[in-house]
C-alpha atoms as a PDB file:
ATOM      1  CA  MET A   1      30.863  72.387  79.857  1.00  0.00           C
ATOM      2  CA  PRO A   2      29.303  71.481  76.566  1.00  0.00           C
ATOM      3  CA  MET A   3      29.296  67.851  75.555  1.00  0.00           C
ATOM      4  CA  HIS A   4      31.093  66.924  72.588  1.00  0.00           C
ATOM      5  CA  ARG A   5      29.861  64.005  70.360  1.00  0.00           C
ATOM      6  CA  CYS A   6      32.549  61.538  69.027  1.00  0.00           C
ATOM      7  CA  ARG A   7      32.759  61.736  65.480  1.00  0.00           C
ATOM      8  CA  GLY A   8      33.866  58.928  63.305  1.00  0.00           C
ATOM      9  CA  PHE A   9      32.422  55.761  61.918  1.00  0.00           C
ATOM     10  CA  ALA A  10      30.330  53.458  63.768  1.00  0.00           C
ATOM     11  CA  LEU A  11      30.804  49.667  63.606  1.00  0.00           C
ATOM     12  CA  ALA A  12      27.766  49.133  61.371  1.00  0.00           C
ATOM     13  CA  GLU A  13      29.092  51.599  58.650  1.00  0.00           C
ATOM     14  CA  VAL A  14      32.442  49.699  58.639  1.00  0.00           C
ATOM     15  CA  LEU A  15      30.620  46.506  58.379  1.00  0.00           C
ATOM     16  CA  VAL A  16      28.428  47.759  55.304  1.00  0.00           C
ATOM     17  CA  ALA A  17      31.547  49.293  53.553  1.00  0.00           C
ATOM     18  CA  ALA A  18      33.574  46.104  54.115  1.00  0.00           C
ATOM     19  CA  ALA A  19      30.492  43.783  52.873  1.00  0.00           C
ATOM     20  CA  LEU A  20      30.246  46.182  49.502  1.00  0.00           C
ATOM     21  CA  LEU A  21      33.865  45.807  48.932  1.00  0.00           C
ATOM     22  CA  ALA A  22      33.914  42.158  49.371  1.00  0.00           C
ATOM     23  CA  VAL A  23      31.014  41.882  46.771  1.00  0.00           C
ATOM     24  CA  GLY A  24      32.870  44.105  44.383  1.00  0.00           C
ATOM     25  CA  LEU A  25      36.107  42.040  44.727  1.00  0.00           C
ATOM     26  CA  LEU A  26      34.161  38.994  44.278  1.00  0.00           C
ATOM     27  CA  GLY A  27      32.548  40.324  41.081  1.00  0.00           C
ATOM     28  CA  GLN A  28      35.943  41.263  39.553  1.00  0.00           C
ATOM     29  CA  LEU A  29      37.272  37.695  40.398  1.00  0.00           C
ATOM     30  CA  ALA A  30      34.350  36.260  38.510  1.00  0.00           C
ATOM     31  CA  LEU A  31      35.078  38.552  35.475  1.00  0.00           C
ATOM     32  CA  LEU A  32      38.752  37.705  35.460  1.00  0.00           C
ATOM     33  CA  GLY A  33      37.877  33.897  35.555  1.00  0.00           C
ATOM     34  CA  ALA A  34      35.482  34.490  32.582  1.00  0.00           C
ATOM     35  CA  GLY A  35      37.981  36.405  30.783  1.00  0.00           C
ATOM     36  CA  LEU A  36      40.739  33.728  31.175  1.00  0.00           C
ATOM     37  CA  ARG A  37      38.331  30.977  30.067  1.00  0.00           C
ATOM     38  CA  ALA A  38      37.638  33.148  26.707  1.00  0.00           C
ATOM     39  CA  GLU A  39      41.149  33.605  26.192  1.00  0.00           C
ATOM     40  CA  ARG A  40      41.865  29.947  26.530  1.00  0.00           C
ATOM     41  CA  ASP A  41      39.165  29.188  24.118  1.00  0.00           C
ATOM     42  CA  ALA A  42      40.195  31.743  21.555  1.00  0.00           C
ATOM     43  CA  ALA A  43      43.828  30.144  21.823  1.00  0.00           C
ATOM     44  CA  ASN A  44      42.609  26.672  21.223  1.00  0.00           C
ATOM     45  CA  SER A  45      40.243  27.904  18.341  1.00  0.00           C
ATOM     46  CA  ALA A  46      43.335  29.461  16.543  1.00  0.00           C
ATOM     47  CA  THR A  47      45.487  26.556  17.218  1.00  0.00           C
ATOM     48  CA  ALA A  48      42.815  24.310  15.723  1.00  0.00           C
ATOM     49  CA  ALA A  49      42.555  26.530  12.741  1.00  0.00           C
ATOM     50  CA  THR A  50      46.358  26.665  12.195  1.00  0.00           C
ATOM     51  CA  LEU A  51      46.646  22.939  12.499  1.00  0.00           C
ATOM     52  CA  ALA A  52      43.594  22.469   9.824  1.00  0.00           C
ATOM     53  CA  ALA A  53      45.262  24.788   7.362  1.00  0.00           C
ATOM     54  CA  ASP A  54      48.574  22.902   7.856  1.00  0.00           C
ATOM     55  CA  LEU A  55      46.851  19.619   6.871  1.00  0.00           C
ATOM     56  CA  ALA A  56      45.101  21.317   4.083  1.00  0.00           C
ATOM     57  CA  GLU A  57      48.409  22.574   2.645  1.00  0.00           C
ATOM     58  CA  ARG A  58      49.745  19.060   2.983  1.00  0.00           C
ATOM     59  CA  LEU A  59      46.854  17.832   1.207  1.00  0.00           C
ATOM     60  CA  ARG A  60      47.192  20.270  -1.717  1.00  0.00           C
ATOM     61  CA  ALA A  61      51.003  19.439  -1.838  1.00  0.00           C
ATOM     62  CA  ASN A  62      50.266  15.692  -2.327  1.00  0.00           C
ATOM     63  CA  SER A  63      46.821  15.955  -4.081  1.00  0.00           C
ATOM     64  CA  THR A  64      47.139  12.768  -6.075  1.00  0.00           C
ATOM     65  CA  ALA A  65      46.685  10.769  -2.776  1.00  0.00           C
ATOM     66  CA  ALA A  66      44.060  12.891  -1.241  1.00  0.00           C
ATOM     67  CA  PRO A  67      41.799   9.902  -0.304  1.00  0.00           C
ATOM     68  CA  ALA A  68      44.967   8.461   1.728  1.00  0.00           C
ATOM     69  CA  TYR A  69      44.494  11.332   4.073  1.00  0.00           C
ATOM     70  CA  VAL A  70      40.864  10.290   5.205  1.00  0.00           C
ATOM     71  CA  LEU A  71      40.771   9.770   8.957  1.00  0.00           C
ATOM     72  CA  ASP A  72      38.038   8.059  11.245  1.00  0.00           C
ATOM     73  CA  PRO A  73      38.269   9.206  14.746  1.00  0.00           C
ATOM     74  CA  ALA A  74      37.270   5.733  15.731  1.00  0.00           C
ATOM     75  CA  SER A  75      40.092   3.961  14.284  1.00  0.00           C
ATOM     76  CA  ALA A  76      43.756   5.099  14.364  1.00  0.00           C
ATOM     77  CA  PRO A  77      45.774   4.407  11.332  1.00  0.00           C
ATOM     78  CA  PRO A  78      48.968   2.576  11.879  1.00  0.00           C
ATOM     79  CA  SER A  79      52.235   4.499  12.146  1.00  0.00           C
ATOM     80  CA  PRO A  80      54.410   4.442   8.937  1.00  0.00           C
ATOM     81  CA  ALA A  81      57.606   2.254   9.234  1.00  0.00           C
ATOM     82  CA  SER A  82      59.731   5.159   8.027  1.00  0.00           C
ATOM     83  CA  CYS A  83      59.632   8.839   7.615  1.00  0.00           C
ATOM     84  CA  THR A  84      63.223   9.866   7.100  1.00  0.00           C
ATOM     85  CA  LEU A  85      64.028  12.537   4.452  1.00  0.00           C
ATOM     86  CA  ALA A  86      66.517   9.979   2.657  1.00  0.00           C
ATOM     87  CA  ALA A  87      63.662   7.398   2.053  1.00  0.00           C
ATOM     88  CA  PRO A  88      62.063   7.671  -1.267  1.00  0.00           C
ATOM     89  CA  PHE A  89      58.337   8.356  -1.153  1.00  0.00           C
ATOM     90  CA  ASP A  90      55.259   7.544  -3.270  1.00  0.00           C
ATOM     91  CA  ALA A  91      52.162   9.582  -2.700  1.00  0.00           C
ATOM     92  CA  GLN A  92      50.636   7.015  -0.449  1.00  0.00           C
ATOM     93  CA  ALA A  93      53.726   6.902   1.863  1.00  0.00           C
ATOM     94  CA  ARG A  94      54.063  10.564   1.956  1.00  0.00           C
ATOM     95  CA  ALA A  95      50.394  10.803   2.962  1.00  0.00           C
ATOM     96  CA  ALA A  96      50.960   8.323   5.728  1.00  0.00           C
ATOM     97  CA  CYS A  97      53.787  10.204   7.041  1.00  0.00           C
ATOM     98  CA  ASP A  98      52.028  13.378   6.841  1.00  0.00           C
ATOM     99  CA  LEU A  99      49.262  12.196   8.884  1.00  0.00           C
ATOM    100  CA  ASP A 100      51.116  10.543  11.566  1.00  0.00           C
ATOM    101  CA  GLU A 101      53.181  13.833  12.055  1.00  0.00           C
ATOM    102  CA  TRP A 102      50.241  15.952  11.886  1.00  0.00           C
ATOM    103  CA  GLN A 103      48.404  13.773  14.240  1.00  0.00           C
ATOM    104  CA  ARG A 104      51.157  14.020  16.738  1.00  0.00           C
ATOM    105  CA  GLU A 105      51.342  17.858  16.463  1.00  0.00           C
ATOM    106  CA  VAL A 106      47.489  18.020  17.223  1.00  0.00           C
ATOM    107  CA  ALA A 107      47.860  15.706  20.115  1.00  0.00           C
ATOM    108  CA  SER A 108      50.436  17.734  21.899  1.00  0.00           C
ATOM    109  CA  SER A 109      48.783  21.103  20.829  1.00  0.00           C
ATOM    110  CA  LEU A 110      45.070  20.634  21.883  1.00  0.00           C
ATOM    111  CA  PRO A 111      43.677  18.877  24.944  1.00  0.00           C
ATOM    112  CA  GLY A 112      41.957  15.658  24.264  1.00  0.00           C
ATOM    113  CA  ALA A 113      41.787  16.341  20.568  1.00  0.00           C
ATOM    114  CA  THR A 114      40.208  14.137  18.307  1.00  0.00           C
ATOM    115  CA  VAL A 115      40.472  14.461  14.362  1.00  0.00           C
ATOM    116  CA  GLU A 116      38.464  13.608  11.298  1.00  0.00           C
ATOM    117  CA  VAL A 117      39.149  13.864   7.646  1.00  0.00           C
ATOM    118  CA  VAL A 118      36.287  13.052   5.302  1.00  0.00           C
ATOM    119  CA  SER A 119      36.809  13.150   1.550  1.00  0.00           C
ATOM    120  CA  SER A 120      34.139  13.278  -1.284  1.00  0.00           C
ATOM    121  CA  ALA A 121      34.258  13.559  -4.995  1.00  0.00           C
ATOM    122  CA  VAL A 122      33.198  16.960  -6.623  1.00  0.00           C
ATOM    123  CA  ALA A 123      30.529  16.123  -9.230  1.00  0.00           C
ATOM    124  CA  GLY A 124      31.583  16.743 -12.907  1.00  0.00           C
ATOM    125  CA  SER A 125      35.294  17.021 -12.106  1.00  0.00           C
ATOM    126  CA  SER A 126      38.327  15.049 -10.804  1.00  0.00           C
ATOM    127  CA  ALA A 127      38.833  17.359  -7.674  1.00  0.00           C
ATOM    128  CA  VAL A 128      38.119  15.963  -4.317  1.00  0.00           C
ATOM    129  CA  LEU A 129      36.537  18.023  -1.241  1.00  0.00           C
ATOM    130  CA  CYS A 130      38.146  17.282   1.934  1.00  0.00           C
ATOM    131  CA  ALA A 131      36.569  18.370   5.409  1.00  0.00           C
ATOM    132  CA  ILE A 132      38.971  18.461   8.209  1.00  0.00           C
ATOM    133  CA  THR A 133      37.512  18.426  11.726  1.00  0.00           C
ATOM    134  CA  ILE A 134      39.271  18.855  14.931  1.00  0.00           C
ATOM    135  CA  ARG A 135      37.429  18.619  18.348  1.00  0.00           C
ATOM    136  CA  TRP A 136      39.001  19.123  21.665  1.00  0.00           C
ATOM    137  CA  VAL A 137      37.826  18.994  25.149  1.00  0.00           C
ATOM    138  CA  VAL A 138      38.802  21.321  28.217  1.00  0.00           C
ATOM    139  CA  HIS A 139      38.770  19.755  31.727  1.00  0.00           C
ATOM    140  CA  GLY A 140      36.555  16.970  30.829  1.00  0.00           C
ATOM    141  CA  SER A 141      33.793  18.874  29.070  1.00  0.00           C
ATOM    142  CA  TYR A 142      33.244  20.015  25.536  1.00  0.00           C
ATOM    143  CA  GLY A 143      36.009  22.391  24.327  1.00  0.00           C
ATOM    144  CA  GLY A 144      35.183  23.199  20.954  1.00  0.00           C
ATOM    145  CA  GLU A 145      35.031  22.106  17.061  1.00  0.00           C
ATOM    146  CA  TYR A 146      36.673  23.639  14.167  1.00  0.00           C
ATOM    147  CA  THR A 147      36.172  22.366  10.475  1.00  0.00           C
ATOM    148  CA  LEU A 148      37.908  23.456   7.483  1.00  0.00           C
ATOM    149  CA  GLN A 149      36.942  22.278   3.951  1.00  0.00           C
ATOM    150  CA  VAL A 150      39.489  22.446   0.983  1.00  0.00           C
ATOM    151  CA  GLN A 151      39.228  21.123  -2.481  1.00  0.00           C
ATOM    152  CA  VAL A 152      42.217  19.466  -3.913  1.00  0.00           C
END
């Protein structure tokens, strides 16, 4: 009787195939992690852009008090006493309420955010140039920075 050879996979072939599959899956996992980080960074940048545009609109609406919107990240301005709609506001009080509300929005929207608003006079005009900078951190390391300049 002729001998028949068993046909099938040897253990070595199965181990090589499993190793290749594991390497491919690890590569996919790393790619997925990088994609999620990129998506988070893009979302934070979009949020920072929206928040900066919000403050820029508040500055434009209250342009007579533009210097009152200056923020130093090292020193937090005191919260205004009252920001109810019924309270009468002058330009300075409106600026204080705008900043207080806006800073609370930034703190709740971006992780570990710090904000800075710097103003400077535009030469030869009565206009003021304001630079709104928002910085945030992600998991203890630098996350990003967004700066918007607006002339009021």
